[in-house]
C-alpha atoms as a PDB file:
ATOM      1  CA  TRP A   1      44.525 -72.455  81.536  1.00  0.00           C
ATOM      2  CA  LEU A   2      46.377 -74.821  83.632  1.00  0.00           C
ATOM      3  CA  ARG A   3      49.383 -74.868  81.474  1.00  0.00           C
ATOM      4  CA  SER A   4      49.921 -71.225  81.789  1.00  0.00           C
ATOM      5  CA  ARG A   5      49.460 -71.206  85.598  1.00  0.00           C
ATOM      6  CA  GLU A   6      51.443 -74.317  86.266  1.00  0.00           C
ATOM      7  CA  SER A   7      54.190 -72.465  88.323  1.00  0.00           C
ATOM      8  CA  ASP A   8      51.795 -70.704  90.533  1.00  0.00           C
ATOM      9  CA  LEU A   9      49.887 -73.906  91.192  1.00  0.00           C
ATOM     10  CA  LEU A  10      53.025 -75.817  92.176  1.00  0.00           C
ATOM     11  CA  ALA A  11      53.973 -72.840  94.611  1.00  0.00           C
ATOM     12  CA  ARG A  12      50.566 -73.039  96.552  1.00  0.00           C
ATOM     13  CA  ASP A  13      47.863 -75.492  97.166  1.00  0.00           C
ATOM     14  CA  PRO A  14      44.902 -73.776  98.961  1.00  0.00           C
ATOM     15  CA  GLU A  15      42.236 -75.660 100.597  1.00  0.00           C
ATOM     16  CA  ILE A  16      38.674 -75.368  99.050  1.00  0.00           C
ATOM     17  CA  THR A  17      35.371 -75.687 100.890  1.00  0.00           C
ATOM     18  CA  SER A  18      32.730 -77.540  99.365  1.00  0.00           C
ATOM     19  CA  PRO A  19      29.326 -79.021 100.476  1.00  0.00           C
ATOM     20  CA  ARG A  20      31.480 -82.427 100.758  1.00  0.00           C
ATOM     21  CA  GLY A  21      34.018 -80.955 103.060  1.00  0.00           C
ATOM     22  CA  ARG A  22      37.434 -79.484 102.473  1.00  0.00           C
ATOM     23  CA  VAL A  23      39.886 -80.606  99.664  1.00  0.00           C
ATOM     24  CA  THR A  24      43.139 -79.174  98.403  1.00  0.00           C
ATOM     25  CA  TYR A  25      42.848 -77.453  94.974  1.00  0.00           C
ATOM     26  CA  ALA A  26      45.290 -80.030  93.710  1.00  0.00           C
ATOM     27  CA  ASN A  27      43.048 -82.808  94.582  1.00  0.00           C
ATOM     28  CA  LEU A  28      39.906 -80.721  93.025  1.00  0.00           C
ATOM     29  CA  LEU A  29      41.714 -80.302  89.811  1.00  0.00           C
ATOM     30  CA  ASP A  30      43.077 -83.981  89.771  1.00  0.00           C
ATOM     31  CA  SER A  31      39.361 -85.179  90.176  1.00  0.00           C
ATOM     32  CA  GLN A  32      38.021 -82.855  87.648  1.00  0.00           C
ATOM     33  CA  ARG A  33      40.600 -83.849  85.023  1.00  0.00           C
ATOM     34  CA  TRP A  34      39.715 -87.545  85.674  1.00  0.00           C
ATOM     35  CA  HIS A  35      36.035 -86.708  85.313  1.00  0.00           C
ATOM     36  CA  ALA A  36      36.589 -84.791  81.978  1.00  0.00           C
ATOM     37  CA  ALA A  37      38.854 -87.573  80.547  1.00  0.00           C
ATOM     38  CA  PHE A  38      36.392 -90.345  81.454  1.00  0.00           C
ATOM     39  CA  HIS A  39      33.641 -88.481  79.470  1.00  0.00           C
ATOM     40  CA  TYR A  40      36.197 -87.814  76.709  1.00  0.00           C
ATOM     41  CA  ARG A  41      36.924 -91.433  76.461  1.00  0.00           C
ATOM     42  CA  GLN A  42      33.310 -92.216  76.471  1.00  0.00           C
ATOM     43  CA  LEU A  43      32.752 -90.065  73.552  1.00  0.00           C
ATOM     44  CA  LEU A  44      35.638 -91.260  71.627  1.00  0.00           C
ATOM     45  CA  ALA A  45      34.421 -95.124  72.261  1.00  0.00           C
ATOM     46  CA  PHE A  46      30.982 -94.050  70.952  1.00  0.00           C
ATOM     47  CA  LEU A  47      32.207 -92.437  67.695  1.00  0.00           C
ATOM     48  CA  ASP A  48      34.770 -95.398  67.184  1.00  0.00           C
ATOM     49  CA  GLY A  49      31.997 -97.782  67.460  1.00  0.00           C
ATOM     50  CA  ARG A  50      29.956 -96.097  64.918  1.00  0.00           C
ATOM     51  CA  GLY A  51      33.087 -96.074  62.375  1.00  0.00           C
ATOM     52  CA  HIS A  52      34.066 -92.408  62.726  1.00  0.00           C
ATOM     53  CA  ASP A  53      37.833 -91.735  61.823  1.00  0.00           C
ATOM     54  CA  LEU A  54      39.419 -90.596  65.225  1.00  0.00           C
ATOM     55  CA  THR A  55      42.863 -89.893  63.706  1.00  0.00           C
ATOM     56  CA  GLY A  56      44.456 -87.435  66.068  1.00  0.00           C
ATOM     57  CA  ALA A  57      41.470 -87.489  68.358  1.00  0.00           C
ATOM     58  CA  ARG A  58      43.661 -88.176  71.407  1.00  0.00           C
ATOM     59  CA  SER A  59      45.902 -85.082  70.715  1.00  0.00           C
ATOM     60  CA  LEU A  60      45.462 -82.110  73.120  1.00  0.00           C
ATOM     61  CA  ALA A  61      46.319 -79.968  70.505  1.00  0.00           C
ATOM     62  CA  ASN A  62      43.188 -80.716  68.751  1.00  0.00           C
ATOM     63  CA  LEU A  63      41.299 -79.416  71.651  1.00  0.00           C
ATOM     64  CA  ASP A  64      42.552 -75.925  71.474  1.00  0.00           C
ATOM     65  CA  GLY A  65      39.649 -73.586  70.966  1.00  0.00           C
ATOM     66  CA  LEU A  66      37.048 -75.939  72.264  1.00  0.00           C
ATOM     67  CA  THR A  67      34.257 -74.218  73.843  1.00  0.00           C
ATOM     68  CA  LEU A  68      31.456 -75.202  76.110  1.00  0.00           C
ATOM     69  CA  PRO A  69      27.944 -74.010  75.823  1.00  0.00           C
ATOM     70  CA  ALA A  70      26.963 -71.018  77.943  1.00  0.00           C
ATOM     71  CA  GLU A  71      24.803 -73.078  80.261  1.00  0.00           C
ATOM     72  CA  ILE A  72      27.596 -75.008  81.427  1.00  0.00           C
ATOM     73  CA  PHE A  73      28.874 -71.955  83.241  1.00  0.00           C
END
Protein backbone atom coordinates (compact mmCIF):
# COMPACT_ATOMS: atom_id res chain seq x y z
CA TRP A 1 0.00 0.00 0.00
CA LEU A 2 2.71 2.49 0.94
CA ARG A 3 4.81 1.74 -2.11
CA SER A 4 1.92 2.47 -4.46
CA ARG A 5 1.14 5.81 -2.75
CA GLU A 6 4.65 7.05 -2.01
CA SER A 7 4.44 10.08 -4.32
CA ASP A 8 1.11 11.15 -2.75
CA LEU A 9 2.55 10.84 0.74
CA LEU A 10 5.61 12.90 -0.19
CA ALA A 11 3.36 15.66 -1.54
CA ARG A 12 1.38 16.17 1.66
CA ASP A 13 1.68 15.27 5.31
CA PRO A 14 -1.64 15.86 7.09
CA GLU A 15 -1.95 16.01 10.84
CA ILE A 16 -3.86 13.24 12.54
CA THR A 17 -5.74 13.73 15.81
CA SER A 18 -5.50 10.87 18.29
CA PRO A 19 -6.14 10.34 22.00
CA ARG A 20 -2.44 11.17 22.48
CA GLY A 21 -2.68 14.46 20.61
CA ARG A 22 -1.85 15.59 17.09
CA VAL A 23 0.84 13.96 15.00
CA THR A 24 1.81 14.14 11.35
CA TYR A 25 0.86 11.24 9.14
CA ALA A 26 4.55 10.66 8.35
CA ASN A 27 5.35 10.31 12.06
CA LEU A 28 2.40 7.98 12.54
CA LEU A 29 3.58 5.77 9.67
CA ASP A 30 7.14 5.82 10.98
CA SER A 31 6.08 4.67 14.44
CA GLN A 32 3.81 1.96 13.00
CA ARG A 33 6.60 0.74 10.73
CA TRP A 34 8.99 0.59 13.70
CA HIS A 35 6.40 -1.28 15.78
CA ALA A 36 5.78 -3.88 13.06
CA ALA A 37 9.52 -4.32 12.45
CA PHE A 38 10.11 -4.82 16.18
CA HIS A 39 7.60 -7.68 16.35
CA TYR A 40 8.83 -9.17 13.07
CA ARG A 41 12.34 -9.32 14.48
CA GLN A 42 11.01 -10.86 17.68
CA LEU A 43 9.36 -13.57 15.62
CA LEU A 44 12.54 -14.21 13.63
CA ALA A 45 14.59 -14.47 16.84
CA PHE A 46 12.03 -16.89 18.30
CA LEU A 47 12.11 -19.12 15.21
CA ASP A 48 15.89 -18.90 14.87
CA GLY A 49 16.29 -19.91 18.50
CA ARG A 50 14.34 -23.06 17.76
CA GLY A 51 16.44 -24.00 14.74
CA HIS A 52 14.07 -23.02 11.92
CA ASP A 53 15.58 -22.23 8.51
CA LEU A 54 15.14 -18.49 7.97
CA THR A 55 16.67 -18.30 4.50
CA GLY A 56 15.11 -15.29 2.79
CA ALA A 57 12.96 -14.43 5.81
CA ARG A 58 14.18 -10.83 5.84
CA SER A 59 13.19 -10.20 2.23
CA LEU A 60 10.17 -7.92 1.81
CA ALA A 61 9.22 -9.89 -1.30
CA ASN A 62 8.48 -12.85 0.96
CA LEU A 63 5.82 -10.80 2.75
CA ASP A 64 3.71 -10.21 -0.40
CA GLY A 65 0.27 -11.67 0.12
CA LEU A 66 0.62 -11.71 3.90
CA THR A 67 -2.80 -11.27 5.46
CA LEU A 68 -3.83 -10.55 9.02
CA PRO A 69 -6.74 -12.10 10.89
CA ALA A 70 -10.06 -10.26 10.51
CA GLU A 71 -10.11 -9.42 14.23
CA ILE A 72 -7.03 -7.21 13.75
CA PHE A 73 -9.21 -4.77 11.82
